[in-house]
Amino acid sequence: MFVDSHCHLDDEKLKGDLDNVVAEFKAAGVGIVIDIGCDANTSEIVKTQAENYDGVYFAAGIHPMDVKDAANSDLDRIKELAKHPKCVAVGEIGLDYYWDTTFKEKQKEFFVKQIDLAYNLNLPINIHIRDAMGDAVEILKANADKLKFGGVMHCYSGSAETAKELIKLGLYISFGGTLTFKNARKTQEVAKLVPIDRILTETDSPYLAPEPKRGTVNSPKNIPLVVKKLSELRGESPQEIETAVYNNTLKLFKKINV
């Protein structure tokens, strides 16, 4: 069974045809999908989607770019959503300095608050980091005692050295469509080095479709292409990768019931 640990089924490009999207990824052998919230409102939407489809779970959280307009009341809503039986993580949370650096301190504040929230609810975290790896690692190390329930570095693009530090903190490394891109040499080198018991797969759909479908609307049905690339890079069979990712998923996201 294939796993998509990070997608956005609430996106306009997917939600209008969701019955077909779900049917297609199930036909491709993808049996577990985690639908990711980016703020309180989208976390409500992905909760409803998870309720409506077998094999679909969700994460509730406030994305670093969405904390700009967020209030503590939004964190209260995330806390309540995270208690849902099909909410398997708090996320996506983290730091993103790529688009806007005017509210870095608020990003850091909400990152720490959501790490704390997840810890208090016995949940792992789903982490988004872009152009902010130094600050992110510093925060994660400072809150290492709150990482007891683990977490995943979504769509990892950092160095091999940093990946080793994150693994020591108990985190998993997730690879998506970018792994298949010709210019993704750094990520491909990391994929060769991460222990097989710390690898997850994702699509981040509808974004970042893997080769040879780059430029199209991505969907969880493309997970086998990510597994194929991991197999090629690591010299392990696709079945070995698929099985390891499935086992890793159940180990990290303990509320998944299959």
C-alpha atoms as a PDB file:
ATOM      1  CA  MET A   1       0.000   0.000   0.000  1.00  0.00           C
ATOM      2  CA  PHE A   2       1.369   3.411  -1.030  1.00  0.00           C
ATOM      3  CA  VAL A   3       1.140   6.460   1.254  1.00  0.00           C
ATOM      4  CA  ASP A   4       0.796  10.174   0.540  1.00  0.00           C
ATOM      5  CA  SER A   5       1.762  11.864   3.808  1.00  0.00           C
ATOM      6  CA  HIS A   6       1.082  15.406   2.584  1.00  0.00           C
ATOM      7  CA  CYS A   7      -1.457  16.722   0.087  1.00  0.00           C
ATOM      8  CA  HIS A   8      -4.053  19.469  -0.226  1.00  0.00           C
ATOM      9  CA  LEU A   9      -7.313  17.942  -1.401  1.00  0.00           C
ATOM     10  CA  ASP A  10      -9.090  21.168  -0.432  1.00  0.00           C
ATOM     11  CA  ASP A  11      -7.351  23.053  -3.235  1.00  0.00           C
ATOM     12  CA  GLU A  12      -9.626  24.383  -5.983  1.00  0.00           C
ATOM     13  CA  LYS A  13      -7.782  22.258  -8.553  1.00  0.00           C
ATOM     14  CA  LEU A  14      -8.811  19.050  -6.780  1.00  0.00           C
ATOM     15  CA  LYS A  15     -11.853  19.494  -4.595  1.00  0.00           C
ATOM     16  CA  GLY A  16     -14.318  20.017  -7.453  1.00  0.00           C
ATOM     17  CA  ASP A  17     -13.609  16.505  -8.738  1.00  0.00           C
ATOM     18  CA  LEU A  18     -12.732  14.859  -5.442  1.00  0.00           C
ATOM     19  CA  ASP A  19     -14.703  11.649  -5.942  1.00  0.00           C
ATOM     20  CA  ASN A  20     -12.694  10.986  -9.101  1.00  0.00           C
ATOM     21  CA  VAL A  21      -9.388  12.063  -7.496  1.00  0.00           C
ATOM     22  CA  VAL A  22      -9.948   9.588  -4.653  1.00  0.00           C
ATOM     23  CA  ALA A  23     -10.995   6.809  -7.027  1.00  0.00           C
ATOM     24  CA  GLU A  24      -7.854   7.374  -9.132  1.00  0.00           C
ATOM     25  CA  PHE A  25      -5.401   7.285  -6.254  1.00  0.00           C
ATOM     26  CA  LYS A  26      -7.029   4.194  -4.776  1.00  0.00           C
ATOM     27  CA  ALA A  27      -6.791   2.499  -8.175  1.00  0.00           C
ATOM     28  CA  ALA A  28      -3.066   3.377  -8.165  1.00  0.00           C
ATOM     29  CA  GLY A  29      -2.636   1.551  -4.856  1.00  0.00           C
ATOM     30  CA  VAL A  30      -2.478   4.626  -2.613  1.00  0.00           C
ATOM     31  CA  GLY A  31      -4.377   3.550   0.488  1.00  0.00           C
ATOM     32  CA  ILE A  32      -3.412   6.222   3.022  1.00  0.00           C
ATOM     33  CA  VAL A  33      -3.559   9.964   2.344  1.00  0.00           C
ATOM     34  CA  ILE A  34      -3.034  12.798   4.824  1.00  0.00           C
ATOM     35  CA  ASP A  35      -4.919  15.967   3.858  1.00  0.00           C
ATOM     36  CA  ILE A  36      -3.140  19.030   5.273  1.00  0.00           C
ATOM     37  CA  GLY A  37      -4.660  22.168   6.752  1.00  0.00           C
ATOM     38  CA  CYS A  38      -2.960  25.561   6.413  1.00  0.00           C
ATOM     39  CA  ASP A  39      -5.116  27.633   8.774  1.00  0.00           C
ATOM     40  CA  ALA A  40      -8.165  27.162  10.978  1.00  0.00           C
ATOM     41  CA  ASN A  41     -10.623  27.377   8.068  1.00  0.00           C
ATOM     42  CA  THR A  42      -8.831  24.955   5.732  1.00  0.00           C
ATOM     43  CA  SER A  43      -8.258  22.610   8.672  1.00  0.00           C
ATOM     44  CA  GLU A  44     -12.045  22.476   9.065  1.00  0.00           C
ATOM     45  CA  ILE A  45     -12.391  21.664   5.359  1.00  0.00           C
ATOM     46  CA  VAL A  46      -9.834  18.846   5.379  1.00  0.00           C
ATOM     47  CA  LYS A  47     -11.518  17.416   8.490  1.00  0.00           C
ATOM     48  CA  THR A  48     -14.774  17.132   6.547  1.00  0.00           C
ATOM     49  CA  GLN A  49     -12.984  15.579   3.580  1.00  0.00           C
ATOM     50  CA  ALA A  50     -11.360  12.998   5.860  1.00  0.00           C
ATOM     51  CA  GLU A  51     -14.751  12.166   7.333  1.00  0.00           C
ATOM     52  CA  ASN A  52     -16.145  11.588   3.846  1.00  0.00           C
ATOM     53  CA  TYR A  53     -13.498   9.198   2.469  1.00  0.00           C
ATOM     54  CA  ASP A  54     -11.982   5.974   3.749  1.00  0.00           C
ATOM     55  CA  GLY A  55      -8.204   6.095   3.853  1.00  0.00           C
ATOM     56  CA  VAL A  56      -8.121   9.901   4.038  1.00  0.00           C
ATOM     57  CA  TYR A  57      -6.845  11.429   7.282  1.00  0.00           C
ATOM     58  CA  PHE A  58      -5.967  15.025   8.073  1.00  0.00           C
ATOM     59  CA  ALA A  59      -3.604  17.372   9.888  1.00  0.00           C
ATOM     60  CA  ALA A  60      -4.762  20.617  11.484  1.00  0.00           C
ATOM     61  CA  GLY A  61      -2.415  23.559  11.786  1.00  0.00           C
ATOM     62  CA  ILE A  62      -1.466  27.091  10.816  1.00  0.00           C
ATOM     63  CA  HIS A  63       1.059  27.393   7.973  1.00  0.00           C
ATOM     64  CA  PRO A  64       3.878  29.889   8.639  1.00  0.00           C
ATOM     65  CA  MET A  65       2.638  32.208   5.895  1.00  0.00           C
ATOM     66  CA  ASP A  66      -0.850  32.163   7.409  1.00  0.00           C
ATOM     67  CA  VAL A  67       0.190  33.121  10.932  1.00  0.00           C
ATOM     68  CA  LYS A  68       0.436  36.745   9.793  1.00  0.00           C
ATOM     69  CA  ASP A  69      -3.319  37.171  10.237  1.00  0.00           C
ATOM     70  CA  ALA A  70      -3.818  34.462  12.861  1.00  0.00           C
ATOM     71  CA  ALA A  71      -4.865  34.986  16.469  1.00  0.00           C
ATOM     72  CA  ASN A  72      -4.710  32.819  19.575  1.00  0.00           C
ATOM     73  CA  SER A  73      -8.369  31.979  18.970  1.00  0.00           C
ATOM     74  CA  ASP A  74      -7.254  30.210  15.784  1.00  0.00           C
ATOM     75  CA  LEU A  75      -4.933  28.062  17.873  1.00  0.00           C
ATOM     76  CA  ASP A  76      -7.910  27.173  20.050  1.00  0.00           C
ATOM     77  CA  ARG A  77      -9.760  25.985  16.940  1.00  0.00           C
ATOM     78  CA  ILE A  78      -6.740  23.921  15.859  1.00  0.00           C
ATOM     79  CA  LYS A  79      -6.606  22.342  19.311  1.00  0.00           C
ATOM     80  CA  GLU A  80     -10.223  21.212  19.078  1.00  0.00           C
ATOM     81  CA  LEU A  81      -9.811  19.906  15.526  1.00  0.00           C
ATOM     82  CA  ALA A  82      -6.696  17.981  16.538  1.00  0.00           C
ATOM     83  CA  LYS A  83      -8.791  15.926  18.965  1.00  0.00           C
ATOM     84  CA  HIS A  84     -10.766  14.458  16.046  1.00  0.00           C
ATOM     85  CA  PRO A  85     -10.221  10.685  15.570  1.00  0.00           C
ATOM     86  CA  LYS A  86      -8.913  11.190  12.025  1.00  0.00           C
ATOM     87  CA  CYS A  87      -6.577  14.085  12.840  1.00  0.00           C
ATOM     88  CA  VAL A  88      -3.176  12.393  12.858  1.00  0.00           C
ATOM     89  CA  ALA A  89      -0.850  15.398  13.213  1.00  0.00           C
ATOM     90  CA  VAL A  90      -0.557  19.129  13.862  1.00  0.00           C
ATOM     91  CA  GLY A  91       0.498  20.817  10.646  1.00  0.00           C
ATOM     92  CA  GLU A  92       1.570  22.157   8.499  1.00  0.00           C
ATOM     93  CA  ILE A  93       3.590  24.371  10.809  1.00  0.00           C
ATOM     94  CA  GLY A  94       7.053  25.895  10.661  1.00  0.00           C
ATOM     95  CA  LEU A  95       8.910  28.837   9.141  1.00  0.00           C
ATOM     96  CA  ASP A  96       8.857  30.356   5.653  1.00  0.00           C
ATOM     97  CA  TYR A  97      11.078  33.347   4.859  1.00  0.00           C
ATOM     98  CA  TYR A  98      10.798  33.003   1.076  1.00  0.00           C
ATOM     99  CA  TRP A  99       7.793  35.247   0.410  1.00  0.00           C
ATOM    100  CA  ASP A 100       7.717  37.655   3.339  1.00  0.00           C
ATOM    101  CA  THR A 101      10.176  38.285   6.172  1.00  0.00           C
ATOM    102  CA  THR A 102       8.233  41.045   7.922  1.00  0.00           C
ATOM    103  CA  PHE A 103       6.713  38.778  10.580  1.00  0.00           C
ATOM    104  CA  LYS A 104       9.509  36.345  11.390  1.00  0.00           C
ATOM    105  CA  GLU A 105       8.997  36.658  15.142  1.00  0.00           C
ATOM    106  CA  LYS A 106       5.316  35.811  14.882  1.00  0.00           C
ATOM    107  CA  GLN A 107       6.186  32.796  12.732  1.00  0.00           C
ATOM    108  CA  LYS A 108       8.606  31.606  15.416  1.00  0.00           C
ATOM    109  CA  GLU A 109       6.034  32.236  18.150  1.00  0.00           C
ATOM    110  CA  PHE A 110       3.323  30.216  16.407  1.00  0.00           C
ATOM    111  CA  PHE A 111       5.767  27.456  15.491  1.00  0.00           C
ATOM    112  CA  VAL A 112       6.671  26.977  19.151  1.00  0.00           C
ATOM    113  CA  LYS A 113       3.043  27.251  20.287  1.00  0.00           C
ATOM    114  CA  GLN A 114       1.967  24.570  17.824  1.00  0.00           C
ATOM    115  CA  ILE A 115       4.863  22.278  18.792  1.00  0.00           C
ATOM    116  CA  ASP A 116       3.618  22.622  22.359  1.00  0.00           C
ATOM    117  CA  LEU A 117       0.009  21.999  21.301  1.00  0.00           C
ATOM    118  CA  ALA A 118       0.965  18.797  19.491  1.00  0.00           C
ATOM    119  CA  TYR A 119       2.993  17.564  22.452  1.00  0.00           C
ATOM    120  CA  ASN A 120       0.093  18.121  24.835  1.00  0.00           C
ATOM    121  CA  LEU A 121      -2.200  16.145  22.502  1.00  0.00           C
ATOM    122  CA  ASN A 122       0.286  13.283  21.964  1.00  0.00           C
ATOM    123  CA  LEU A 123       0.526  14.074  18.246  1.00  0.00           C
ATOM    124  CA  PRO A 124       3.411  14.374  15.771  1.00  0.00           C
ATOM    125  CA  ILE A 125       4.029  17.556  13.796  1.00  0.00           C
ATOM    126  CA  ASN A 126       4.123  18.164  10.039  1.00  0.00           C
ATOM    127  CA  ILE A 127       6.837  20.742   9.377  1.00  0.00           C
ATOM    128  CA  HIS A 128       7.148  23.228   6.489  1.00  0.00           C
ATOM    129  CA  ILE A 129      10.497  25.024   6.225  1.00  0.00           C
ATOM    130  CA  ARG A 130      11.519  27.314   3.369  1.00  0.00           C
ATOM    131  CA  ASP A 131      14.613  29.524   3.409  1.00  0.00           C
ATOM    132  CA  ALA A 132      14.631  29.285   7.202  1.00  0.00           C
ATOM    133  CA  MET A 133      16.428  26.053   8.057  1.00  0.00           C
ATOM    134  CA  GLY A 134      18.861  27.614  10.527  1.00  0.00           C
ATOM    135  CA  ASP A 135      16.151  29.173  12.676  1.00  0.00           C
ATOM    136  CA  ALA A 136      13.994  26.059  12.352  1.00  0.00           C
ATOM    137  CA  VAL A 137      16.702  23.696  13.579  1.00  0.00           C
ATOM    138  CA  GLU A 138      17.445  26.055  16.454  1.00  0.00           C
ATOM    139  CA  ILE A 139      13.780  26.031  17.517  1.00  0.00           C
ATOM    140  CA  LEU A 140      13.465  22.277  17.131  1.00  0.00           C
ATOM    141  CA  LYS A 141      16.583  21.663  19.220  1.00  0.00           C
ATOM    142  CA  ALA A 142      15.385  24.096  21.889  1.00  0.00           C
ATOM    143  CA  ASN A 143      12.094  22.177  22.026  1.00  0.00           C
ATOM    144  CA  ALA A 144      13.565  18.686  21.709  1.00  0.00           C
ATOM    145  CA  ASP A 145      11.735  17.583  24.854  1.00  0.00           C
ATOM    146  CA  LYS A 146       8.454  18.372  23.083  1.00  0.00           C
ATOM    147  CA  LEU A 147       9.255  16.122  20.102  1.00  0.00           C
ATOM    148  CA  LYS A 148       8.460  12.902  21.957  1.00  0.00           C
ATOM    149  CA  PHE A 149       5.706  12.052  19.460  1.00  0.00           C
ATOM    150  CA  GLY A 150       7.875  12.775  16.443  1.00  0.00           C
ATOM    151  CA  GLY A 151       7.288  14.687  13.271  1.00  0.00           C
ATOM    152  CA  VAL A 152       8.039  14.864   9.574  1.00  0.00           C
ATOM    153  CA  MET A 153      10.028  17.355   7.526  1.00  0.00           C
ATOM    154  CA  HIS A 154       7.649  17.891   4.617  1.00  0.00           C
ATOM    155  CA  CYS A 155       9.158  18.058   1.118  1.00  0.00           C
ATOM    156  CA  TYR A 156      12.681  18.173   2.506  1.00  0.00           C
ATOM    157  CA  SER A 157      15.173  20.316   0.592  1.00  0.00           C
ATOM    158  CA  GLY A 158      17.937  20.849   3.144  1.00  0.00           C
ATOM    159  CA  SER A 159      21.430  19.397   3.333  1.00  0.00           C
ATOM    160  CA  ALA A 160      22.455  15.880   4.277  1.00  0.00           C
ATOM    161  CA  GLU A 161      24.172  17.221   7.396  1.00  0.00           C
ATOM    162  CA  THR A 162      20.991  18.936   8.567  1.00  0.00           C
ATOM    163  CA  ALA A 163      18.937  15.847   7.774  1.00  0.00           C
ATOM    164  CA  LYS A 164      21.174  13.851  10.127  1.00  0.00           C
ATOM    165  CA  GLU A 165      20.574  16.415  12.893  1.00  0.00           C
ATOM    166  CA  LEU A 166      16.810  16.233  12.356  1.00  0.00           C
ATOM    167  CA  ILE A 167      16.809  12.445  12.408  1.00  0.00           C
ATOM    168  CA  LYS A 168      18.640  12.558  15.749  1.00  0.00           C
ATOM    169  CA  LEU A 169      15.731  14.651  17.025  1.00  0.00           C
ATOM    170  CA  GLY A 170      13.376  11.816  16.096  1.00  0.00           C
ATOM    171  CA  LEU A 171      12.027  13.323  12.882  1.00  0.00           C
ATOM    172  CA  TYR A 172      11.215  11.647   9.579  1.00  0.00           C
ATOM    173  CA  ILE A 173      12.211  12.986   6.153  1.00  0.00           C
ATOM    174  CA  SER A 174       9.548  13.162   3.437  1.00  0.00           C
ATOM    175  CA  PHE A 175      10.233  13.203  -0.294  1.00  0.00           C
ATOM    176  CA  GLY A 176       7.867  14.297  -3.051  1.00  0.00           C
ATOM    177  CA  GLY A 177       7.814  15.165  -6.721  1.00  0.00           C
ATOM    178  CA  THR A 178      10.801  17.516  -6.484  1.00  0.00           C
ATOM    179  CA  LEU A 179      12.974  14.439  -5.923  1.00  0.00           C
ATOM    180  CA  THR A 180      12.414  13.493  -9.575  1.00  0.00           C
ATOM    181  CA  PHE A 181      13.502  16.883 -10.965  1.00  0.00           C
ATOM    182  CA  LYS A 182      16.806  16.948 -12.865  1.00  0.00           C
ATOM    183  CA  ASN A 183      18.102  19.900 -10.825  1.00  0.00           C
ATOM    184  CA  ALA A 184      17.326  18.277  -7.453  1.00  0.00           C
ATOM    185  CA  ARG A 185      20.796  16.823  -6.947  1.00  0.00           C
ATOM    186  CA  LYS A 186      21.076  17.876  -3.293  1.00  0.00           C
ATOM    187  CA  THR A 187      17.722  16.319  -2.401  1.00  0.00           C
ATOM    188  CA  GLN A 188      18.629  13.178  -4.344  1.00  0.00           C
ATOM    189  CA  GLU A 189      21.856  12.831  -2.370  1.00  0.00           C
ATOM    190  CA  VAL A 190      19.903  13.165   0.879  1.00  0.00           C
ATOM    191  CA  ALA A 191      17.450  10.501  -0.293  1.00  0.00           C
ATOM    192  CA  LYS A 192      20.340   8.055  -0.674  1.00  0.00           C
ATOM    193  CA  LEU A 193      21.535   8.621   2.890  1.00  0.00           C
ATOM    194  CA  VAL A 194      18.362   8.745   5.018  1.00  0.00           C
ATOM    195  CA  PRO A 195      17.795   5.448   6.875  1.00  0.00           C
ATOM    196  CA  ILE A 196      14.948   3.514   5.302  1.00  0.00           C
ATOM    197  CA  ASP A 197      13.074   3.520   8.607  1.00  0.00           C
ATOM    198  CA  ARG A 198      12.888   7.340   8.498  1.00  0.00           C
ATOM    199  CA  ILE A 199      11.562   7.891   4.962  1.00  0.00           C
ATOM    200  CA  LEU A 200       8.060   9.066   4.054  1.00  0.00           C
ATOM    201  CA  THR A 201       6.536   9.885   0.659  1.00  0.00           C
ATOM    202  CA  GLU A 202       4.215  12.702  -0.373  1.00  0.00           C
ATOM    203  CA  THR A 203       2.920  14.660  -3.339  1.00  0.00           C
ATOM    204  CA  ASP A 204       2.092  18.112  -1.885  1.00  0.00           C
ATOM    205  CA  SER A 205      -0.597  17.949  -4.540  1.00  0.00           C
ATOM    206  CA  PRO A 206      -1.869  19.772  -6.479  1.00  0.00           C
ATOM    207  CA  TYR A 207       1.665  21.210  -6.586  1.00  0.00           C
ATOM    208  CA  LEU A 208       5.033  19.783  -7.649  1.00  0.00           C
ATOM    209  CA  ALA A 209       3.970  16.958  -9.949  1.00  0.00           C
ATOM    210  CA  PRO A 210       6.834  14.494 -10.464  1.00  0.00           C
ATOM    211  CA  GLU A 211       8.527  13.722 -13.758  1.00  0.00           C
ATOM    212  CA  PRO A 212       7.291  12.839 -16.319  1.00  0.00           C
ATOM    213  CA  LYS A 213       4.131  14.724 -15.293  1.00  0.00           C
ATOM    214  CA  ARG A 214       5.834  17.944 -14.222  1.00  0.00           C
ATOM    215  CA  GLY A 215       3.688  20.989 -14.952  1.00  0.00           C
ATOM    216  CA  THR A 216       0.385  19.144 -14.587  1.00  0.00           C
ATOM    217  CA  VAL A 217      -2.014  19.151 -11.636  1.00  0.00           C
ATOM    218  CA  ASN A 218      -0.508  16.772  -9.092  1.00  0.00           C
ATOM    219  CA  SER A 219      -2.546  14.156  -7.236  1.00  0.00           C
ATOM    220  CA  PRO A 220      -1.869  11.355  -4.730  1.00  0.00           C
ATOM    221  CA  LYS A 221      -2.122   8.903  -7.645  1.00  0.00           C
ATOM    222  CA  ASN A 222       1.448   9.974  -8.547  1.00  0.00           C
ATOM    223  CA  ILE A 223       3.014   8.549  -5.373  1.00  0.00           C
ATOM    224  CA  PRO A 224       4.277   5.434  -7.243  1.00  0.00           C
ATOM    225  CA  LEU A 225       6.499   7.747  -9.334  1.00  0.00           C
ATOM    226  CA  VAL A 226       8.127   9.082  -6.158  1.00  0.00           C
ATOM    227  CA  VAL A 227       8.657   5.526  -4.890  1.00  0.00           C
ATOM    228  CA  LYS A 228      10.171   4.560  -8.243  1.00  0.00           C
ATOM    229  CA  LYS A 229      12.704   7.400  -8.005  1.00  0.00           C
ATOM    230  CA  LEU A 230      13.590   6.501  -4.419  1.00  0.00           C
ATOM    231  CA  SER A 231      14.133   2.921  -5.550  1.00  0.00           C
ATOM    232  CA  GLU A 232      16.459   4.013  -8.358  1.00  0.00           C
ATOM    233  CA  LEU A 233      18.483   6.297  -6.084  1.00  0.00           C
ATOM    234  CA  ARG A 234      18.794   3.906  -3.165  1.00  0.00           C
ATOM    235  CA  GLY A 235      19.191   0.604  -4.987  1.00  0.00           C
ATOM    236  CA  GLU A 236      16.256  -0.901  -3.115  1.00  0.00           C
ATOM    237  CA  SER A 237      13.229  -2.458  -4.765  1.00  0.00           C
ATOM    238  CA  PRO A 238      10.031  -0.393  -5.148  1.00  0.00           C
ATOM    239  CA  GLN A 239       8.265  -2.989  -2.985  1.00  0.00           C
ATOM    240  CA  GLU A 240      10.876  -2.538  -0.252  1.00  0.00           C
ATOM    241  CA  ILE A 241      10.408   1.238  -0.302  1.00  0.00           C
ATOM    242  CA  GLU A 242       6.617   0.944  -0.385  1.00  0.00           C
ATOM    243  CA  THR A 243       6.571  -1.421   2.594  1.00  0.00           C
ATOM    244  CA  ALA A 244       9.027   0.668   4.616  1.00  0.00           C
ATOM    245  CA  VAL A 245       7.059   3.877   4.037  1.00  0.00           C
ATOM    246  CA  TYR A 246       3.829   2.137   5.026  1.00  0.00           C
ATOM    247  CA  ASN A 247       5.393   0.859   8.260  1.00  0.00           C
ATOM    248  CA  ASN A 248       6.976   4.250   8.994  1.00  0.00           C
ATOM    249  CA  THR A 249       3.616   5.925   8.480  1.00  0.00           C
ATOM    250  CA  LEU A 250       1.859   3.698  10.995  1.00  0.00           C
ATOM    251  CA  LYS A 251       4.696   4.142  13.478  1.00  0.00           C
ATOM    252  CA  LEU A 252       4.597   7.945  13.302  1.00  0.00           C
ATOM    253  CA  PHE A 253       0.896   8.641  12.786  1.00  0.00           C
ATOM    254  CA  LYS A 254      -0.481   6.388  15.478  1.00  0.00           C
ATOM    255  CA  LYS A 255      -4.130   7.415  15.004  1.00  0.00           C
ATOM    256  CA  ILE A 256      -4.222   5.890  11.513  1.00  0.00           C
ATOM    257  CA  ASN A 257      -6.420   2.822  11.613  1.00  0.00           C
ATOM    258  CA  VAL A 258      -6.030   0.358   8.733  1.00  0.00           C
END
